[in-house]
Amino acid sequence: MNQRKDTYRAALQREPDVAPPRHRKVTQLRTRYVRVTIELDPDLPRDLTRWVGPPVSALLRAGAAVLRPLRSTP
């Protein structure tokens, strides 16, 4: 138990690993009443592909499996 406490305390005292800042594309929209700042991460398309790719491919496979018997009927 003491070893676990010591390990936990040592982890809290360590400096956090800081990743280098990503370059972002900043777009500002300013009107009389509203100010909006939009920051786009250049890695966003790659991240979206990684997150959305598997569910979309699963839906396509399921759709193909449903349509296959319908195409084979005379």
PDB file of N, CA and C in Angstrom:
ATOM      1  N   MET A   1       0.816  -1.188   0.000  1.00  0.00           N
ATOM      2  CA  MET A   1       0.000   0.000   0.000  1.00  0.00           C
ATOM      3  C   MET A   1       0.863   1.256   0.000  1.00  0.00           C
ATOM      4  N   ASN A   2       1.939   1.252   0.776  1.00  0.00           N
ATOM      5  CA  ASN A   2       2.805   2.422   0.842  1.00  0.00           C
ATOM      6  C   ASN A   2       3.516   2.660  -0.482  1.00  0.00           C
ATOM      7  N   GLN A   3       3.890   1.571  -1.150  1.00  0.00           N
ATOM      8  CA  GLN A   3       4.568   1.717  -2.442  1.00  0.00           C
ATOM      9  C   GLN A   3       3.623   2.371  -3.453  1.00  0.00           C
ATOM     10  N   ARG A   4       2.356   1.992  -3.412  1.00  0.00           N
ATOM     11  CA  ARG A   4       1.386   2.576  -4.331  1.00  0.00           C
ATOM     12  C   ARG A   4       1.196   4.063  -4.033  1.00  0.00           C
ATOM     13  N   LYS A   5       1.146   4.433  -2.748  1.00  0.00           N
ATOM     14  CA  LYS A   5       1.037   5.844  -2.385  1.00  0.00           C
ATOM     15  C   LYS A   5       2.252   6.629  -2.862  1.00  0.00           C
ATOM     16  N   ASP A   6       3.437   6.051  -2.671  1.00  0.00           N
ATOM     17  CA  ASP A   6       4.655   6.734  -3.101  1.00  0.00           C
ATOM     18  C   ASP A   6       4.689   6.907  -4.613  1.00  0.00           C
ATOM     19  N   THR A   7       4.277   5.883  -5.337  1.00  0.00           N
ATOM     20  CA  THR A   7       4.237   5.969  -6.796  1.00  0.00           C
ATOM     21  C   THR A   7       3.255   7.041  -7.238  1.00  0.00           C
ATOM     22  N   TYR A   8       2.109   7.108  -6.569  1.00  0.00           N
ATOM     23  CA  TYR A   8       1.101   8.113  -6.905  1.00  0.00           C
ATOM     24  C   TYR A   8       1.632   9.517  -6.631  1.00  0.00           C
ATOM     25  N   ARG A   9       2.252   9.713  -5.487  1.00  0.00           N
ATOM     26  CA  ARG A   9       2.797  11.034  -5.163  1.00  0.00           C
ATOM     27  C   ARG A   9       3.904  11.433  -6.128  1.00  0.00           C
ATOM     28  N   ALA A  10       4.745  10.470  -6.508  1.00  0.00           N
ATOM     29  CA  ALA A  10       5.809  10.770  -7.463  1.00  0.00           C
ATOM     30  C   ALA A  10       5.226  11.169  -8.817  1.00  0.00           C
ATOM     31  N   ALA A  11       4.157  10.511  -9.222  1.00  0.00           N
ATOM     32  CA  ALA A  11       3.516  10.847 -10.502  1.00  0.00           C
ATOM     33  C   ALA A  11       2.916  12.247 -10.453  1.00  0.00           C
ATOM     34  N   LEU A  12       2.370  12.632  -9.304  1.00  0.00           N
ATOM     35  CA  LEU A  12       1.794  13.972  -9.184  1.00  0.00           C
ATOM     36  C   LEU A  12       2.865  15.058  -9.236  1.00  0.00           C
ATOM     37  N   GLN A  13       4.051  14.755  -8.763  1.00  0.00           N
ATOM     38  CA  GLN A  13       5.107  15.759  -8.723  1.00  0.00           C
ATOM     39  C   GLN A  13       5.852  15.886 -10.046  1.00  0.00           C
ATOM     40  N   ARG A  14       5.723  14.892 -10.910  1.00  0.00           N
ATOM     41  CA  ARG A  14       6.397  14.941 -12.203  1.00  0.00           C
ATOM     42  C   ARG A  14       5.800  16.025 -13.082  1.00  0.00           C
ATOM     43  N   GLU A  15       6.619  16.560 -13.950  1.00  0.00           N
ATOM     44  CA  GLU A  15       6.156  17.535 -14.935  1.00  0.00           C
ATOM     45  C   GLU A  15       5.307  16.806 -15.974  1.00  0.00           C
ATOM     46  N   PRO A  16       4.182  17.367 -16.373  1.00  0.00           N
ATOM     47  CA  PRO A  16       3.377  16.714 -17.410  1.00  0.00           C
ATOM     48  C   PRO A  16       4.101  16.771 -18.757  1.00  0.00           C
ATOM     49  N   ASP A  17       3.906  15.717 -19.553  1.00  0.00           N
ATOM     50  CA  ASP A  17       4.471  15.704 -20.898  1.00  0.00           C
ATOM     51  C   ASP A  17       3.717  16.710 -21.743  1.00  0.00           C
ATOM     52  N   VAL A  18       4.430  17.659 -22.280  1.00  0.00           N
ATOM     53  CA  VAL A  18       3.802  18.711 -23.068  1.00  0.00           C
ATOM     54  C   VAL A  18       4.094  18.449 -24.537  1.00  0.00           C
ATOM     55  N   ALA A  19       3.031  18.275 -25.300  1.00  0.00           N
ATOM     56  CA  ALA A  19       3.178  18.067 -26.734  1.00  0.00           C
ATOM     57  C   ALA A  19       3.435  19.418 -27.395  1.00  0.00           C
ATOM     58  N   PRO A  20       4.183  19.417 -28.482  1.00  0.00           N
ATOM     59  CA  PRO A  20       4.400  20.690 -29.175  1.00  0.00           C
ATOM     60  C   PRO A  20       3.068  21.228 -29.687  1.00  0.00           C
ATOM     61  N   PRO A  21       2.880  22.533 -29.649  1.00  0.00           N
ATOM     62  CA  PRO A  21       1.592  23.090 -30.085  1.00  0.00           C
ATOM     63  C   PRO A  21       1.370  22.859 -31.572  1.00  0.00           C
ATOM     64  N   ARG A  22       0.152  22.546 -31.899  1.00  0.00           N
ATOM     65  CA  ARG A  22      -0.195  22.333 -33.304  1.00  0.00           C
ATOM     66  C   ARG A  22      -0.450  23.686 -33.947  1.00  0.00           C
ATOM     67  N   HIS A  23      -0.139  23.766 -35.219  1.00  0.00           N
ATOM     68  CA  HIS A  23      -0.436  24.987 -35.952  1.00  0.00           C
ATOM     69  C   HIS A  23      -1.919  24.976 -36.286  1.00  0.00           C
ATOM     70  N   ARG A  24      -2.565  26.064 -36.035  1.00  0.00           N
ATOM     71  CA  ARG A  24      -3.996  26.144 -36.247  1.00  0.00           C
ATOM     72  C   ARG A  24      -4.316  27.256 -37.226  1.00  0.00           C
ATOM     73  N   LYS A  25      -5.376  27.054 -37.959  1.00  0.00           N
ATOM     74  CA  LYS A  25      -5.864  28.092 -38.851  1.00  0.00           C
ATOM     75  C   LYS A  25      -6.961  28.837 -38.102  1.00  0.00           C
ATOM     76  N   VAL A  26      -6.773  30.120 -37.916  1.00  0.00           N
ATOM     77  CA  VAL A  26      -7.705  30.929 -37.145  1.00  0.00           C
ATOM     78  C   VAL A  26      -8.480  31.832 -38.090  1.00  0.00           C
ATOM     79  N   THR A  27      -9.776  31.773 -37.977  1.00  0.00           N
ATOM     80  CA  THR A  27     -10.658  32.634 -38.758  1.00  0.00           C
ATOM     81  C   THR A  27     -11.514  33.429 -37.782  1.00  0.00           C
ATOM     82  N   GLN A  28     -11.600  34.722 -37.999  1.00  0.00           N
ATOM     83  CA  GLN A  28     -12.396  35.553 -37.111  1.00  0.00           C
ATOM     84  C   GLN A  28     -13.540  36.181 -37.885  1.00  0.00           C
ATOM     85  N   LEU A  29     -14.690  36.162 -37.259  1.00  0.00           N
ATOM     86  CA  LEU A  29     -15.879  36.788 -37.818  1.00  0.00           C
ATOM     87  C   LEU A  29     -16.301  37.869 -36.841  1.00  0.00           C
ATOM     88  N   ARG A  30     -16.292  39.084 -37.301  1.00  0.00           N
ATOM     89  CA  ARG A  30     -16.649  40.199 -36.420  1.00  0.00           C
ATOM     90  C   ARG A  30     -17.788  40.984 -37.054  1.00  0.00           C
ATOM     91  N   THR A  31     -18.828  41.112 -36.303  1.00  0.00           N
ATOM     92  CA  THR A  31     -19.931  41.976 -36.700  1.00  0.00           C
ATOM     93  C   THR A  31     -20.147  42.982 -35.579  1.00  0.00           C
ATOM     94  N   ARG A  32     -21.140  43.756 -35.721  1.00  0.00           N
ATOM     95  CA  ARG A  32     -21.384  44.800 -34.715  1.00  0.00           C
ATOM     96  C   ARG A  32     -21.704  44.190 -33.345  1.00  0.00           C
ATOM     97  N   TYR A  33     -22.420  43.090 -33.329  1.00  0.00           N
ATOM     98  CA  TYR A  33     -22.882  42.515 -32.069  1.00  0.00           C
ATOM     99  C   TYR A  33     -22.190  41.208 -31.681  1.00  0.00           C
ATOM    100  N   VAL A  34     -21.561  40.556 -32.625  1.00  0.00           N
ATOM    101  CA  VAL A  34     -21.020  39.220 -32.356  1.00  0.00           C
ATOM    102  C   VAL A  34     -19.576  39.151 -32.818  1.00  0.00           C
ATOM    103  N   ARG A  35     -18.748  38.538 -32.007  1.00  0.00           N
ATOM    104  CA  ARG A  35     -17.382  38.205 -32.400  1.00  0.00           C
ATOM    105  C   ARG A  35     -17.193  36.709 -32.225  1.00  0.00           C
ATOM    106  N   VAL A  36     -16.808  36.050 -33.289  1.00  0.00           N
ATOM    107  CA  VAL A  36     -16.609  34.608 -33.258  1.00  0.00           C
ATOM    108  C   VAL A  36     -15.214  34.318 -33.770  1.00  0.00           C
ATOM    109  N   THR A  37     -14.484  33.483 -33.041  1.00  0.00           N
ATOM    110  CA  THR A  37     -13.175  33.028 -33.488  1.00  0.00           C
ATOM    111  C   THR A  37     -13.262  31.526 -33.694  1.00  0.00           C
ATOM    112  N   ILE A  38     -12.904  31.064 -34.870  1.00  0.00           N
ATOM    113  CA  ILE A  38     -12.929  29.646 -35.204  1.00  0.00           C
ATOM    114  C   ILE A  38     -11.497  29.202 -35.437  1.00  0.00           C
ATOM    115  N   GLU A  39     -11.082  28.199 -34.687  1.00  0.00           N
ATOM    116  CA  GLU A  39      -9.744  27.640 -34.861  1.00  0.00           C
ATOM    117  C   GLU A  39      -9.882  26.250 -35.453  1.00  0.00           C
ATOM    118  N   LEU A  40      -9.224  26.029 -36.568  1.00  0.00           N
ATOM    119  CA  LEU A  40      -9.260  24.725 -37.219  1.00  0.00           C
ATOM    120  C   LEU A  40      -7.901  24.054 -37.087  1.00  0.00           C
ATOM    121  N   ASP A  41      -7.920  22.842 -36.639  1.00  0.00           N
ATOM    122  CA  ASP A  41      -6.709  22.054 -36.504  1.00  0.00           C
ATOM    123  C   ASP A  41      -6.402  21.408 -37.853  1.00  0.00           C
ATOM    124  N   PRO A  42      -5.192  21.545 -38.372  1.00  0.00           N
ATOM    125  CA  PRO A  42      -4.892  20.951 -39.683  1.00  0.00           C
ATOM    126  C   PRO A  42      -4.973  19.426 -39.680  1.00  0.00           C
ATOM    127  N   ASP A  43      -4.906  18.794 -38.511  1.00  0.00           N
ATOM    128  CA  ASP A  43      -5.017  17.334 -38.447  1.00  0.00           C
ATOM    129  C   ASP A  43      -6.462  16.871 -38.362  1.00  0.00           C
ATOM    130  N   LEU A  44      -7.415  17.794 -38.413  1.00  0.00           N
ATOM    131  CA  LEU A  44      -8.817  17.434 -38.278  1.00  0.00           C
ATOM    132  C   LEU A  44      -9.286  16.429 -39.327  1.00  0.00           C
ATOM    133  N   PRO A  45      -8.969  16.589 -40.619  1.00  0.00           N
ATOM    134  CA  PRO A  45      -9.433  15.586 -41.585  1.00  0.00           C
ATOM    135  C   PRO A  45      -8.922  14.176 -41.264  1.00  0.00           C
ATOM    136  N   ARG A  46      -7.684  14.074 -40.821  1.00  0.00           N
ATOM    137  CA  ARG A  46      -7.141  12.746 -40.490  1.00  0.00           C
ATOM    138  C   ARG A  46      -7.854  12.171 -39.271  1.00  0.00           C
ATOM    139  N   ASP A  47      -8.108  13.012 -38.254  1.00  0.00           N
ATOM    140  CA  ASP A  47      -8.805  12.553 -37.062  1.00  0.00           C
ATOM    141  C   ASP A  47     -10.239  12.140 -37.389  1.00  0.00           C
ATOM    142  N   LEU A  48     -10.926  12.921 -38.225  1.00  0.00           N
ATOM    143  CA  LEU A  48     -12.291  12.560 -38.605  1.00  0.00           C
ATOM    144  C   LEU A  48     -12.329  11.235 -39.347  1.00  0.00           C
ATOM    145  N   THR A  49     -11.369  11.033 -40.227  1.00  0.00           N
ATOM    146  CA  THR A  49     -11.314   9.772 -40.963  1.00  0.00           C
ATOM    147  C   THR A  49     -11.106   8.610 -40.005  1.00  0.00           C
ATOM    148  N   ARG A  50     -10.265   8.814 -39.013  1.00  0.00           N
ATOM    149  CA  ARG A  50      -9.992   7.742 -38.047  1.00  0.00           C
ATOM    150  C   ARG A  50     -11.221   7.451 -37.194  1.00  0.00           C
ATOM    151  N   TRP A  51     -11.986   8.485 -36.808  1.00  0.00           N
ATOM    152  CA  TRP A  51     -13.141   8.280 -35.939  1.00  0.00           C
ATOM    153  C   TRP A  51     -14.382   7.817 -36.700  1.00  0.00           C
ATOM    154  N   VAL A  52     -14.591   8.354 -37.881  1.00  0.00           N
ATOM    155  CA  VAL A  52     -15.826   8.097 -38.617  1.00  0.00           C
ATOM    156  C   VAL A  52     -15.696   6.909 -39.549  1.00  0.00           C
ATOM    157  N   GLY A  53     -14.487   6.596 -39.959  1.00  0.00           N
ATOM    158  CA  GLY A  53     -14.278   5.529 -40.935  1.00  0.00           C
ATOM    159  C   GLY A  53     -14.864   4.185 -40.551  1.00  0.00           C
ATOM    160  N   PRO A  54     -14.550   3.636 -39.389  1.00  0.00           N
ATOM    161  CA  PRO A  54     -15.074   2.311 -39.033  1.00  0.00           C
ATOM    162  C   PRO A  54     -16.613   2.238 -38.969  1.00  0.00           C
ATOM    163  N   PRO A  55     -17.319   3.202 -38.349  1.00  0.00           N
ATOM    164  CA  PRO A  55     -18.788   3.084 -38.351  1.00  0.00           C
ATOM    165  C   PRO A  55     -19.389   3.186 -39.754  1.00  0.00           C
ATOM    166  N   VAL A  56     -18.819   4.048 -40.586  1.00  0.00           N
ATOM    167  CA  VAL A  56     -19.357   4.193 -41.942  1.00  0.00           C
ATOM    168  C   VAL A  56     -19.125   2.921 -42.741  1.00  0.00           C
ATOM    169  N   SER A  57     -17.948   2.329 -42.621  1.00  0.00           N
ATOM    170  CA  SER A  57     -17.697   1.091 -43.359  1.00  0.00           C
ATOM    171  C   SER A  57     -18.582  -0.035 -42.848  1.00  0.00           C
ATOM    172  N   ALA A  58     -18.877  -0.060 -41.545  1.00  0.00           N
ATOM    173  CA  ALA A  58     -19.791  -1.077 -41.017  1.00  0.00           C
ATOM    174  C   ALA A  58     -21.198  -0.881 -41.583  1.00  0.00           C
ATOM    175  N   LEU A  59     -21.646   0.381 -41.689  1.00  0.00           N
ATOM    176  CA  LEU A  59     -22.959   0.633 -42.288  1.00  0.00           C
ATOM    177  C   LEU A  59     -23.008   0.218 -43.751  1.00  0.00           C
ATOM    178  N   LEU A  60     -21.930   0.469 -44.478  1.00  0.00           N
ATOM    179  CA  LEU A  60     -21.891   0.069 -45.885  1.00  0.00           C
ATOM    180  C   LEU A  60     -21.937  -1.448 -46.033  1.00  0.00           C
ATOM    181  N   ARG A  61     -21.213  -2.152 -45.171  1.00  0.00           N
ATOM    182  CA  ARG A  61     -21.251  -3.618 -45.231  1.00  0.00           C
ATOM    183  C   ARG A  61     -22.635  -4.147 -44.888  1.00  0.00           C
ATOM    184  N   ALA A  62     -23.284  -3.555 -43.882  1.00  0.00           N
ATOM    185  CA  ALA A  62     -24.633  -3.989 -43.514  1.00  0.00           C
ATOM    186  C   ALA A  62     -25.620  -3.698 -44.645  1.00  0.00           C
ATOM    187  N   GLY A  63     -25.491  -2.532 -45.264  1.00  0.00           N
ATOM    188  CA  GLY A  63     -26.367  -2.209 -46.390  1.00  0.00           C
ATOM    189  C   GLY A  63     -26.169  -3.145 -47.560  1.00  0.00           C
ATOM    190  N   ALA A  64     -24.929  -3.503 -47.840  1.00  0.00           N
ATOM    191  CA  ALA A  64     -24.659  -4.453 -48.931  1.00  0.00           C
ATOM    192  C   ALA A  64     -25.233  -5.825 -48.603  1.00  0.00           C
ATOM    193  N   ALA A  65     -25.157  -6.231 -47.335  1.00  0.00           N
ATOM    194  CA  ALA A  65     -25.709  -7.528 -46.941  1.00  0.00           C
ATOM    195  C   ALA A  65     -27.228  -7.540 -47.063  1.00  0.00           C
ATOM    196  N   VAL A  66     -27.888  -6.421 -46.806  1.00  0.00           N
ATOM    197  CA  VAL A  66     -29.343  -6.351 -46.932  1.00  0.00           C
ATOM    198  C   VAL A  66     -29.750  -6.341 -48.390  1.00  0.00           C
ATOM    199  N   LEU A  67     -28.998  -5.616 -49.209  1.00  0.00           N
ATOM    200  CA  LEU A  67     -29.372  -5.503 -50.623  1.00  0.00           C
ATOM    201  C   LEU A  67     -29.036  -6.746 -51.443  1.00  0.00           C
ATOM    202  N   ARG A  68     -28.101  -7.536 -50.995  1.00  0.00           N
ATOM    203  CA  ARG A  68     -27.689  -8.720 -51.757  1.00  0.00           C
ATOM    204  C   ARG A  68     -28.862  -9.671 -52.018  1.00  0.00           C
ATOM    205  N   PRO A  69     -29.682 -10.046 -51.034  1.00  0.00           N
ATOM    206  CA  PRO A  69     -30.815 -10.942 -51.332  1.00  0.00           C
ATOM    207  C   PRO A  69     -31.864 -10.266 -52.215  1.00  0.00           C
ATOM    208  N   LEU A  70     -32.031  -8.966 -52.091  1.00  0.00           N
ATOM    209  CA  LEU A  70     -33.013  -8.285 -52.903  1.00  0.00           C
ATOM    210  C   LEU A  70     -32.626  -8.272 -54.370  1.00  0.00           C
ATOM    211  N   ARG A  71     -31.350  -8.191 -54.651  1.00  0.00           N
ATOM    212  CA  ARG A  71     -30.879  -8.188 -56.046  1.00  0.00           C
ATOM    213  C   ARG A  71     -31.001  -9.565 -56.681  1.00  0.00           C
ATOM    214  N   SER A  72     -30.895 -10.616 -55.873  1.00  0.00           N
ATOM    215  CA  SER A  72     -30.890 -11.961 -56.443  1.00  0.00           C
ATOM    216  C   SER A  72     -32.297 -12.489 -56.701  1.00  0.00           C
ATOM    217  N   THR A  73     -33.346 -11.839 -56.179  1.00  0.00           N
ATOM    218  CA  THR A  73     -34.704 -12.303 -56.423  1.00  0.00           C
ATOM    219  C   THR A  73     -35.124 -11.934 -57.845  1.00  0.00           C
ATOM    220  N   PRO A  74     -35.850 -12.828 -58.504  1.00  0.00           N
ATOM    221  CA  PRO A  74     -36.248 -12.557 -59.904  1.00  0.00           C
ATOM    222  C   PRO A  74     -37.327 -11.539 -60.050  1.00  0.00           C
TER     223      PRO A  74
END
